[in-house]
């Protein structure tokens, strides 16, 4: 806005000066000289602002790929404005700048001594900008403090810690201490330890862990994870494996690390990999359950499994005895929130009954898609990820204002599909252009939703992906059981 004001003033002063020059006797007056000075001044300031914008927001942005810091903007603007005023004073006003600077040497020395610390921080900031060791958005560790850079100023750097507090660190301190930098757009390595039983081969453990790692969002899959035996703990009957992999950036490091460990737990459970003081979901058959210490999950009785199988259409007409026989061979799989379905398990032809939770199967987007969820469930919003709803709310606020938050909560009770959520919300936007803009944020795919006590076939996910929405328990009924029955 300020640049447009100076452009406007340049035009106004130029028109007035041109008009005065056309009037006899006014072209050589003091008023004409003042207008000429103001015209050159406004043109100079406009040029300086334009060059500053071209350098910081266009040229340097293309070179660095990031926005320029406040300090760099200040330095460039200071140099440009100094040049403008120097030219104005020397060639328009005719001042002898050399004499002025010479006579003010004592005053300059006094001011410099008084601002010694401030000038030290200023020049330290200039040195940091020249070296370009870090940028806004990077994570730095200074001493025992860790945080994200929010601003690079002429006197200090503003850092936001992960506790939410704000640190103001003088540039002079940063230039004299060791700083550890985690660039915002560079992958960061995670190293963690995972225990596994001695009786399971390292190859099996490594393959399962690799599948888990590459399934987690924000993991850098271009760098192969490293899984190696770190130590044998024969006293506890386990092997400690060291795991190393990379995430997109440091901010997501702890979230990804927690999600990987969470999914490894569920994967070990599904493959009956037992650890001390753990037990896994099983049937009530003593021979198929291992109880070592505290129970991790409640046991599903065979009778309950048989009742669940009997509700599936293709088995509803079978004798109870046959269904109970099927229940003997049912496998039970438990998945964590947003974990892919059957990504670490063998692919077989089977029917999957959802004993607990929700399964969503990815498919191509279609405006006429029939979304398969239980319409009687009047609290679907509890199954949504808060991050997804927050993102949709922020995007809708541009078009609907403060009411968007409540609107998102209401519509989230009507569907569990992200694309359909966008479509339903778009109906509340009056402008057709705004609707199209809002829908551009929607994913280009949709999900078919299967609720608790429903089922799906293995062929339903043979050529696509499926995910658990919340902790989900599946009963796997192999096709070869009832075909041979």
Protein backbone atom coordinates (compact mmCIF):
# COMPACT_ATOMS: atom_id res chain seq x y z
CA UNK A 1 0.00 0.00 0.00
CA UNK A 2 2.87 2.39 0.84
CA UNK A 3 4.43 1.93 -2.60
CA UNK A 4 1.20 2.95 -4.32
CA UNK A 5 1.07 6.12 -2.21
CA UNK A 6 4.54 7.14 -3.38
CA UNK A 7 3.64 6.35 -7.00
CA UNK A 8 0.53 8.51 -6.60
CA UNK A 9 2.56 11.35 -5.06
CA UNK A 10 5.09 11.15 -7.89
CA UNK A 11 2.31 11.56 -10.42
CA UNK A 12 0.72 14.44 -8.48
CA UNK A 13 4.00 16.33 -8.00
CA UNK A 14 4.89 15.73 -11.65
CA UNK A 15 1.56 17.14 -12.88
CA UNK A 16 1.77 20.16 -10.60
CA UNK A 17 5.38 20.88 -11.56
CA UNK A 18 4.53 20.58 -15.27
CA UNK A 19 1.57 22.91 -14.79
CA UNK A 20 3.69 25.53 -12.99
CA UNK A 21 6.32 25.44 -15.73
CA UNK A 22 3.66 26.46 -18.23
CA UNK A 23 2.81 29.62 -16.24
CA UNK A 24 4.95 32.67 -17.03
CA UNK A 25 7.10 33.84 -14.14
CA UNK A 26 6.53 30.78 -11.89
CA UNK A 27 9.01 28.36 -13.44
CA UNK A 28 11.97 29.95 -11.57
CA UNK A 29 10.33 30.58 -8.21
CA UNK A 30 11.03 28.86 -4.89
CA UNK A 31 7.73 27.00 -5.21
CA UNK A 32 8.93 25.43 -8.45
CA UNK A 33 12.21 24.38 -6.80
CA UNK A 34 10.34 22.79 -3.87
CA UNK A 35 8.03 20.90 -6.21
CA UNK A 36 11.03 19.74 -8.25
CA UNK A 37 12.72 18.48 -5.07
CA UNK A 38 9.54 16.70 -3.91
CA UNK A 39 9.10 15.16 -7.35
CA UNK A 40 12.64 13.77 -7.38
CA UNK A 41 12.29 12.62 -3.76
CA UNK A 42 9.06 10.72 -4.42
CA UNK A 43 10.53 9.17 -7.59
CA UNK A 44 13.65 8.16 -5.64
CA UNK A 45 11.67 6.58 -2.81
CA UNK A 46 9.41 4.78 -5.29
CA UNK A 47 12.45 3.45 -7.12
CA UNK A 48 14.08 2.32 -3.86
CA UNK A 49 10.93 0.48 -2.76
CA UNK A 50 10.58 -1.17 -6.16
CA UNK A 51 14.23 -2.28 -6.20
CA UNK A 52 13.92 -3.57 -2.61
CA UNK A 53 10.88 -5.63 -3.59
CA UNK A 54 12.57 -6.91 -6.75
CA UNK A 55 15.67 -7.99 -4.83
CA UNK A 56 14.09 -9.52 -1.71
CA UNK A 57 10.76 -10.92 -2.97
CA UNK A 58 11.66 -11.90 -6.53
CA UNK A 59 15.38 -12.37 -7.13
CA UNK A 60 16.47 -13.74 -3.73
CA UNK A 61 13.27 -15.80 -3.41
CA UNK A 62 14.06 -17.53 -6.69
CA UNK A 63 17.68 -18.11 -5.69
CA UNK A 64 17.03 -19.29 -2.13
CA UNK A 65 13.52 -20.67 -2.53
CA UNK A 66 12.56 -18.94 0.74
CA UNK A 67 11.28 -15.56 1.88
CA UNK A 68 13.90 -13.00 2.89
CA UNK A 69 14.32 -12.22 6.58
CA UNK A 70 13.39 -8.90 8.17
CA UNK A 71 17.08 -8.13 8.71
CA UNK A 72 17.98 -8.65 5.06
CA UNK A 73 15.05 -6.47 3.99
CA UNK A 74 16.23 -3.78 6.41
CA UNK A 75 19.81 -3.88 5.12
CA UNK A 76 18.79 -3.68 1.45
CA UNK A 77 16.28 -0.90 2.15
CA UNK A 78 18.86 1.01 4.21
CA UNK A 79 21.45 0.88 1.43
CA UNK A 80 18.94 1.93 -1.24
CA UNK A 81 17.47 4.79 0.80
CA UNK A 82 20.95 5.99 1.75
CA UNK A 83 21.87 6.09 -1.92
CA UNK A 84 18.69 8.01 -2.82
CA UNK A 85 19.16 10.66 -0.12
CA UNK A 86 22.88 10.99 -0.86
CA UNK A 87 22.15 11.75 -4.50
CA UNK A 88 19.38 14.16 -3.53
CA UNK A 89 21.47 16.12 -1.07
CA UNK A 90 24.56 16.25 -3.29
CA UNK A 91 23.12 16.95 -6.74
CA UNK A 92 19.75 18.59 -6.02
CA UNK A 93 20.51 20.62 -2.90
CA UNK A 94 24.23 20.96 -3.66
CA UNK A 95 25.39 20.02 -0.15
CA UNK A 96 29.04 19.14 0.44
CA UNK A 97 28.62 15.79 2.17
CA UNK A 98 32.35 15.30 2.66
CA UNK A 99 32.62 18.42 4.81
CA UNK A 100 29.53 17.48 6.78
CA UNK A 101 30.84 13.98 7.54
CA UNK A 102 34.26 15.35 8.52
CA UNK A 103 32.92 17.90 10.97
CA UNK A 104 30.61 15.31 12.56
CA UNK A 105 33.38 12.77 13.24
CA UNK A 106 33.40 13.47 17.00
CA UNK A 107 29.62 13.14 17.23
CA UNK A 108 29.79 9.90 15.27
CA UNK A 109 32.41 8.50 17.68
CA UNK A 110 30.26 9.36 20.71
CA UNK A 111 27.18 7.76 19.17
CA UNK A 112 29.17 4.69 18.13
CA UNK A 113 30.51 4.21 21.66
CA UNK A 114 27.05 4.57 23.16
CA UNK A 115 25.58 2.06 20.68
CA UNK A 116 28.48 -0.37 20.85
CA UNK A 117 26.39 -3.39 21.85
CA UNK A 118 23.61 -2.52 19.41
CA UNK A 119 26.03 -2.05 16.53
CA UNK A 120 27.73 -5.32 17.47
CA UNK A 121 24.42 -7.14 17.14
CA UNK A 122 23.71 -5.33 13.87
CA UNK A 123 27.01 -6.32 12.24
CA UNK A 124 26.71 -9.84 13.64
CA UNK A 125 23.30 -10.03 12.00
CA UNK A 126 24.78 -8.81 8.72
CA UNK A 127 27.47 -11.51 8.94
CA UNK A 128 24.84 -14.19 9.58
CA UNK A 129 22.88 -13.02 6.54
CA UNK A 130 25.99 -13.13 4.36
CA UNK A 131 26.83 -16.67 5.51
CA UNK A 132 23.17 -17.80 5.19
CA UNK A 133 23.69 -20.55 7.77
CA UNK A 134 19.95 -20.75 8.50
CA UNK A 135 16.64 -19.32 7.38
CA UNK A 136 13.20 -18.55 8.77
CA UNK A 137 11.42 -21.84 9.48
CA UNK A 138 14.61 -23.78 10.31
CA UNK A 139 15.02 -25.49 13.68
CA UNK A 140 18.11 -24.53 15.69
CA UNK A 141 19.60 -25.76 18.94
CA UNK A 142 21.58 -23.17 20.90
CA UNK A 143 22.97 -24.36 24.18
CA UNK A 144 20.11 -26.31 25.75
CA UNK A 145 17.43 -24.40 23.84
CA UNK A 146 15.62 -25.74 20.80
CA UNK A 147 13.12 -23.89 18.66
CA UNK A 148 11.90 -22.76 15.25
CA UNK A 149 13.17 -19.47 13.78
CA UNK A 150 10.27 -17.03 13.36
CA UNK A 151 12.17 -13.85 12.50
CA UNK A 152 15.70 -12.65 11.69
CA UNK A 153 15.93 -9.04 12.83
CA UNK A 154 18.65 -6.43 12.82
CA UNK A 155 19.41 -6.90 16.55
CA UNK A 156 18.22 -10.40 17.40
CA UNK A 157 16.67 -13.67 16.26
CA UNK A 158 13.19 -14.68 17.40
CA UNK A 159 12.80 -18.39 18.20
CA UNK A 160 9.56 -20.15 19.09
CA UNK A 161 10.20 -23.17 21.32
CA UNK A 162 8.08 -26.32 21.17
CA UNK A 163 6.64 -25.38 24.56
CA UNK A 164 5.13 -22.29 22.93
CA UNK A 165 7.43 -19.73 24.55
CA UNK A 166 9.30 -17.12 22.52
CA UNK A 167 13.06 -16.57 22.84
CA UNK A 168 14.81 -13.36 21.76
CA UNK A 169 18.49 -14.16 21.20
CA UNK A 170 20.98 -11.37 20.35
CA UNK A 171 22.81 -11.84 17.06
CA UNK A 172 26.14 -11.34 18.80
CA UNK A 173 25.51 -14.37 21.03
CA UNK A 174 24.61 -16.59 18.08
CA UNK A 175 27.71 -15.54 16.15
CA UNK A 176 30.01 -16.59 19.03
CA UNK A 177 28.38 -19.93 20.02
CA UNK A 178 27.96 -23.29 18.34
CA UNK A 179 24.54 -23.58 16.71
CA UNK A 180 23.04 -26.87 15.53
CA UNK A 181 20.75 -26.31 12.51
CA UNK A 182 17.95 -28.55 11.22
CA UNK A 183 16.90 -27.09 7.83
CA UNK A 184 13.13 -26.98 7.38
CA UNK A 185 13.24 -28.63 3.94
CA UNK A 186 15.92 -31.23 4.60
CA UNK A 187 15.31 -34.77 5.94
CA UNK A 188 16.30 -35.54 9.52
CA UNK A 189 17.39 -38.94 10.79
CA UNK A 190 15.60 -40.78 13.58
CA UNK A 191 17.42 -43.46 15.57
CA UNK A 192 15.43 -45.63 17.95
CA UNK A 193 15.52 -49.06 19.61
CA UNK A 194 12.90 -51.79 19.21
CA UNK A 195 12.98 -55.10 21.16
CA UNK A 196 11.91 -58.40 19.59
CA UNK A 197 11.91 -62.04 20.79
CA UNK A 198 15.00 -64.20 20.35
CA UNK A 199 12.97 -66.97 18.70
CA UNK A 200 11.90 -64.79 15.71
CA UNK A 201 14.41 -64.53 12.87
CA UNK A 202 16.04 -61.13 12.28
CA UNK A 203 14.94 -61.28 8.63
CA UNK A 204 11.27 -61.54 9.63
CA UNK A 205 11.57 -58.68 12.13
CA UNK A 206 13.45 -56.47 9.65
CA UNK A 207 10.92 -57.01 6.84
CA UNK A 208 7.97 -56.17 9.10
CA UNK A 209 9.64 -53.05 10.51
CA UNK A 210 10.57 -51.77 7.03
CA UNK A 211 6.96 -52.21 5.86
CA UNK A 212 5.77 -50.26 8.89
CA UNK A 213 8.26 -47.42 8.41
CA UNK A 214 7.50 -46.81 4.73
CA UNK A 215 3.74 -46.84 5.47
CA UNK A 216 3.96 -43.88 7.85
CA UNK A 217 3.30 -40.41 6.37
CA UNK A 218 6.20 -37.91 6.22
CA UNK A 219 8.86 -40.64 6.16
CA UNK A 220 11.47 -39.99 3.46
CA UNK A 221 11.17 -43.18 1.40
CA UNK A 222 14.03 -42.16 -0.92
CA UNK A 223 16.48 -43.13 1.84
CA UNK A 224 16.34 -46.81 2.74
CA UNK A 225 15.72 -47.53 6.45
CA UNK A 226 18.48 -49.33 8.32
CA UNK A 227 17.58 -52.12 10.75
CA UNK A 228 20.38 -53.94 12.54
CA UNK A 229 20.87 -56.04 15.66
CA UNK A 230 22.19 -53.79 18.40
CA UNK A 231 22.53 -56.28 21.24
CA UNK A 232 21.32 -59.62 22.59
CA UNK A 233 19.52 -59.51 25.93
CA UNK A 234 19.41 -63.22 26.77
CA UNK A 235 18.30 -62.56 30.34
CA UNK A 236 15.01 -61.13 29.03
CA UNK A 237 14.89 -63.34 25.95
CA UNK A 238 14.93 -60.47 23.45
CA UNK A 239 17.07 -58.88 20.76
CA UNK A 240 17.34 -55.09 20.68
CA UNK A 241 17.22 -53.77 17.11
CA UNK A 242 18.55 -50.35 16.19
CA UNK A 243 16.37 -48.59 13.62
CA UNK A 244 17.46 -45.62 11.53
CA UNK A 245 15.30 -43.79 9.01
CA UNK A 246 14.66 -40.24 7.82
CA UNK A 247 11.65 -37.91 8.07
CA UNK A 248 10.84 -34.90 5.89
CA UNK A 249 11.79 -32.32 8.54
CA UNK A 250 12.53 -31.95 12.23
CA UNK A 251 9.10 -30.59 13.20
CA UNK A 252 7.49 -33.93 12.31
CA UNK A 253 10.25 -36.01 13.89
CA UNK A 254 8.60 -36.88 17.21
CA UNK A 255 5.16 -37.37 15.67
CA UNK A 256 6.53 -39.82 13.10
CA UNK A 257 8.67 -41.60 15.70
CA UNK A 258 5.63 -42.15 17.92
CA UNK A 259 3.50 -43.34 14.99
CA UNK A 260 6.16 -45.82 13.84
CA UNK A 261 6.41 -47.32 17.33
CA UNK A 262 2.62 -47.43 17.59
CA UNK A 263 2.29 -49.34 14.32
CA UNK A 264 5.14 -51.72 15.18
CA UNK A 265 3.21 -52.68 18.33
CA UNK A 266 0.09 -53.48 16.31
CA UNK A 267 2.13 -55.32 13.66
CA UNK A 268 3.84 -57.51 16.27
CA UNK A 269 0.43 -58.24 17.76
CA UNK A 270 -1.06 -59.30 14.42
CA UNK A 271 1.88 -61.64 13.79
CA UNK A 272 1.76 -63.06 17.32
CA UNK A 273 5.26 -61.78 18.09
CA UNK A 274 5.28 -61.92 21.87
CA UNK A 275 7.37 -59.77 24.19
CA UNK A 276 7.77 -60.16 27.94
CA UNK A 277 4.76 -58.94 29.94
CA UNK A 278 2.56 -58.88 26.82
CA UNK A 279 -0.21 -60.96 25.31
CA UNK A 280 -2.02 -60.51 22.04
CA UNK A 281 -5.55 -60.72 20.77
CA UNK A 282 -6.55 -64.33 20.27
CA UNK A 283 -9.45 -66.74 20.50
CA UNK A 284 -10.31 -68.45 23.76
CA UNK A 285 -8.47 -71.58 22.63
CA UNK A 286 -5.73 -72.11 25.24
CA UNK A 287 -3.46 -73.65 22.61
CA UNK A 288 -3.64 -70.58 20.37
CA UNK A 289 -3.15 -68.00 23.11
CA UNK A 290 0.03 -67.17 24.96
CA UNK A 291 -0.42 -65.39 28.27
CA UNK A 292 2.79 -63.85 29.57
CA UNK A 293 2.12 -61.27 32.22
CA UNK A 294 -0.46 -58.51 31.84
CA UNK A 295 -3.03 -59.06 29.09
CA UNK A 296 -2.78 -56.52 26.26
CA UNK A 297 -6.23 -57.15 24.76
CA UNK A 298 -9.43 -58.89 25.78
CA UNK A 299 -9.93 -62.36 24.28
CA UNK A 300 -12.74 -62.75 21.74
CA UNK A 301 -14.76 -65.90 22.56
CA UNK A 302 -15.28 -68.37 19.74
CA UNK A 303 -19.03 -68.10 20.22
CA UNK A 304 -18.84 -64.37 19.55
CA UNK A 305 -16.74 -65.01 16.44
CA UNK A 306 -19.30 -67.56 15.23
CA UNK A 307 -22.14 -65.09 15.82
CA UNK A 308 -20.26 -62.48 13.79
CA UNK A 309 -19.69 -64.89 10.89
CA UNK A 310 -23.38 -65.84 10.89
CA UNK A 311 -24.35 -62.22 10.13
CA UNK A 312 -22.38 -62.24 6.85
CA UNK A 313 -24.74 -62.78 3.92
CA UNK A 314 -22.90 -65.67 2.26
CA UNK A 315 -22.77 -67.59 5.53
CA UNK A 316 -26.20 -66.83 6.96
CA UNK A 317 -27.77 -70.02 5.56
CA UNK A 318 -25.04 -72.36 6.82
CA UNK A 319 -25.64 -74.70 9.78
CA UNK A 320 -24.43 -73.51 13.17
CA UNK A 321 -22.04 -76.43 13.40
CA UNK A 322 -20.32 -75.38 10.15
CA UNK A 323 -20.05 -71.79 11.31
CA UNK A 324 -18.49 -72.86 14.61
CA UNK A 325 -16.02 -74.93 12.63
CA UNK A 326 -15.13 -71.85 10.57
CA UNK A 327 -14.55 -69.87 13.75
CA UNK A 328 -11.71 -72.25 14.61
CA UNK A 329 -9.74 -70.95 11.60
CA UNK A 330 -10.52 -67.25 11.82
CA UNK A 331 -7.53 -64.93 12.14
CA UNK A 332 -7.86 -61.76 14.19
CA UNK A 333 -6.07 -58.58 13.14
CA UNK A 334 -5.93 -55.32 15.09
CA UNK A 335 -4.92 -52.01 13.45
CA UNK A 336 -4.11 -48.61 14.87
CA UNK A 337 -5.56 -45.26 13.80
CA UNK A 338 -4.98 -44.51 10.09
CA UNK A 339 -2.91 -47.68 9.72
CA UNK A 340 -3.14 -49.39 6.30
CA UNK A 341 -5.15 -52.61 6.20
CA UNK A 342 -3.39 -55.93 5.37
CA UNK A 343 -0.12 -54.24 4.39
CA UNK A 344 2.06 -56.55 6.49
CA UNK A 345 -0.17 -59.63 6.31
CA UNK A 346 -0.27 -62.31 3.58
CA UNK A 347 -2.75 -61.57 0.78
CA UNK A 348 -5.38 -64.30 0.57
CA UNK A 349 -8.92 -64.57 -0.75
CA UNK A 350 -11.12 -63.93 2.27
CA UNK A 351 -14.02 -62.07 3.80
CA UNK A 352 -13.20 -59.52 6.51
CA UNK A 353 -15.73 -58.81 9.25
CA UNK A 354 -15.27 -55.54 11.17
CA UNK A 355 -15.57 -56.57 14.79
CA UNK A 356 -14.62 -53.10 16.03
CA UNK A 357 -13.84 -49.76 14.39
CA UNK A 358 -14.18 -48.44 10.85
CA UNK A 359 -12.48 -49.32 7.55
CA UNK A 360 -12.25 -46.87 4.66
CA UNK A 361 -11.33 -48.11 1.19
CA UNK A 362 -9.80 -45.62 -1.22
CA UNK A 363 -11.34 -45.24 -4.66
CA UNK A 364 -11.56 -42.77 -7.53
CA UNK A 365 -13.52 -39.60 -6.79
CA UNK A 366 -17.11 -39.52 -8.03
CA UNK A 367 -19.81 -36.96 -7.36
CA UNK A 368 -22.42 -39.71 -7.46
CA UNK A 369 -20.63 -42.05 -5.08
CA UNK A 370 -22.78 -43.94 -2.60
CA UNK A 371 -21.00 -43.63 0.73
CA UNK A 372 -21.46 -46.73 2.84
CA UNK A 373 -21.80 -45.62 6.45
CA UNK A 374 -24.38 -46.21 9.14
CA UNK A 375 -26.84 -43.30 8.96
CA UNK A 376 -28.12 -44.09 12.45
CA UNK A 377 -24.76 -43.25 13.98
CA UNK A 378 -25.36 -39.65 15.05
CA UNK A 379 -21.86 -38.96 16.39
CA UNK A 380 -19.63 -39.54 13.38
CA UNK A 381 -17.52 -36.48 14.22
CA UNK A 382 -15.70 -38.39 16.96
CA UNK A 383 -14.16 -40.61 14.28
CA UNK A 384 -12.57 -37.65 12.46
CA UNK A 385 -8.96 -36.60 12.86
CA UNK A 386 -8.87 -33.15 14.56
CA UNK A 387 -6.11 -32.06 12.15
CA UNK A 388 -8.32 -32.72 9.11
CA UNK A 389 -11.29 -30.82 10.56
CA UNK A 390 -9.04 -27.92 11.53
CA UNK A 391 -7.63 -27.72 8.00
CA UNK A 392 -11.11 -27.76 6.43
CA UNK A 393 -12.29 -25.11 8.91
CA UNK A 394 -9.39 -22.79 8.04
CA UNK A 395 -10.06 -23.15 4.31
CA UNK A 396 -13.79 -22.58 4.73
CA UNK A 397 -13.30 -19.48 6.93
CA UNK A 398 -12.16 -17.51 3.87
CA UNK A 399 -15.62 -17.89 2.35
CA UNK A 400 -17.95 -18.32 5.36
CA UNK A 401 -16.30 -16.39 8.19
CA UNK A 402 -16.54 -17.38 11.90
CA UNK A 403 -19.59 -19.59 11.31
CA UNK A 404 -17.41 -22.07 9.44
CA UNK A 405 -16.18 -23.79 12.61
CA UNK A 406 -19.68 -24.75 13.73
CA UNK A 407 -20.66 -25.65 10.17
CA UNK A 408 -17.75 -28.07 9.83
CA UNK A 409 -18.73 -29.79 13.09
CA UNK A 410 -22.32 -30.21 11.92
CA UNK A 411 -21.45 -31.59 8.49
CA UNK A 412 -18.79 -33.90 9.98
CA UNK A 413 -21.66 -35.78 11.63
CA UNK A 414 -23.07 -36.63 8.20
CA UNK A 415 -20.09 -38.35 6.57
CA UNK A 416 -16.69 -39.89 7.20
CA UNK A 417 -15.32 -39.18 3.73
CA UNK A 418 -13.09 -36.13 3.31
CA UNK A 419 -14.12 -35.35 -0.26
CA UNK A 420 -17.82 -35.63 0.53
CA UNK A 421 -17.24 -33.33 3.51
CA UNK A 422 -15.95 -30.66 1.11
CA UNK A 423 -18.88 -31.24 -1.25
CA UNK A 424 -21.47 -30.86 1.52
CA UNK A 425 -19.80 -27.73 2.88
CA UNK A 426 -19.56 -26.19 -0.60
CA UNK A 427 -23.37 -26.22 -0.80
CA UNK A 428 -23.40 -23.48 1.85
CA UNK A 429 -21.24 -21.12 -0.26
CA UNK A 430 -23.37 -18.80 -2.38
CA UNK A 431 -20.84 -17.85 -5.05
CA UNK A 432 -20.19 -20.46 -7.74
CA UNK A 433 -16.60 -19.26 -8.18
CA UNK A 434 -15.99 -19.49 -4.43
CA UNK A 435 -17.42 -23.01 -4.44
CA UNK A 436 -14.97 -24.07 -7.12
CA UNK A 437 -12.09 -22.45 -5.26
CA UNK A 438 -13.04 -24.20 -2.01
CA UNK A 439 -13.45 -27.58 -3.76
CA UNK A 440 -9.96 -27.21 -5.23
CA UNK A 441 -8.67 -27.98 -1.71
CA UNK A 442 -10.53 -31.31 -1.63
CA UNK A 443 -8.64 -34.56 -2.34
CA UNK A 444 -9.06 -36.09 -5.79
CA UNK A 445 -10.10 -39.41 -4.29
CA UNK A 446 -12.82 -40.64 -1.99
CA UNK A 447 -13.36 -43.49 0.46
CA UNK A 448 -15.97 -46.18 0.74
CA UNK A 449 -16.77 -46.48 4.44
CA UNK A 450 -17.42 -49.77 6.27
CA UNK A 451 -18.66 -49.45 9.84
CA UNK A 452 -18.57 -51.87 12.77
CA UNK A 453 -20.50 -55.14 12.12
CA UNK A 454 -20.17 -54.75 8.34
CA UNK A 455 -17.79 -56.66 6.08
CA UNK A 456 -15.83 -56.46 2.84
CA UNK A 457 -14.09 -58.87 0.47
CA UNK A 458 -10.38 -59.16 -0.24
CA UNK A 459 -11.03 -58.25 -3.88
CA UNK A 460 -12.45 -54.90 -2.69
CA UNK A 461 -8.92 -53.82 -1.77
CA UNK A 462 -6.90 -55.86 -4.28
CA UNK A 463 -6.17 -52.83 -6.48
CA UNK A 464 -6.46 -49.98 -3.98
CA UNK A 465 -5.65 -48.99 -0.40
CA UNK A 466 -7.65 -49.38 2.79
CA UNK A 467 -7.14 -47.75 6.18
CA UNK A 468 -8.40 -48.10 9.73
CA UNK A 469 -10.29 -45.09 11.09
CA UNK A 470 -9.46 -45.46 14.77
CA UNK A 471 -8.40 -48.73 16.40
CA UNK A 472 -10.00 -51.47 14.31
CA UNK A 473 -10.33 -55.25 14.79
CA UNK A 474 -10.91 -57.48 11.76
CA UNK A 475 -11.95 -61.13 11.62
CA UNK A 476 -10.45 -62.82 8.57
CA UNK A 477 -12.56 -65.70 7.19
CA UNK A 478 -10.59 -67.44 4.39
CA UNK A 479 -12.60 -68.42 1.32
CA UNK A 480 -11.09 -71.90 1.15
CA UNK A 481 -12.72 -72.79 4.49
CA UNK A 482 -16.34 -72.50 3.41
CA UNK A 483 -15.72 -73.68 -0.17
CA UNK A 484 -14.43 -76.98 1.16
CA UNK A 485 -17.09 -77.24 3.85
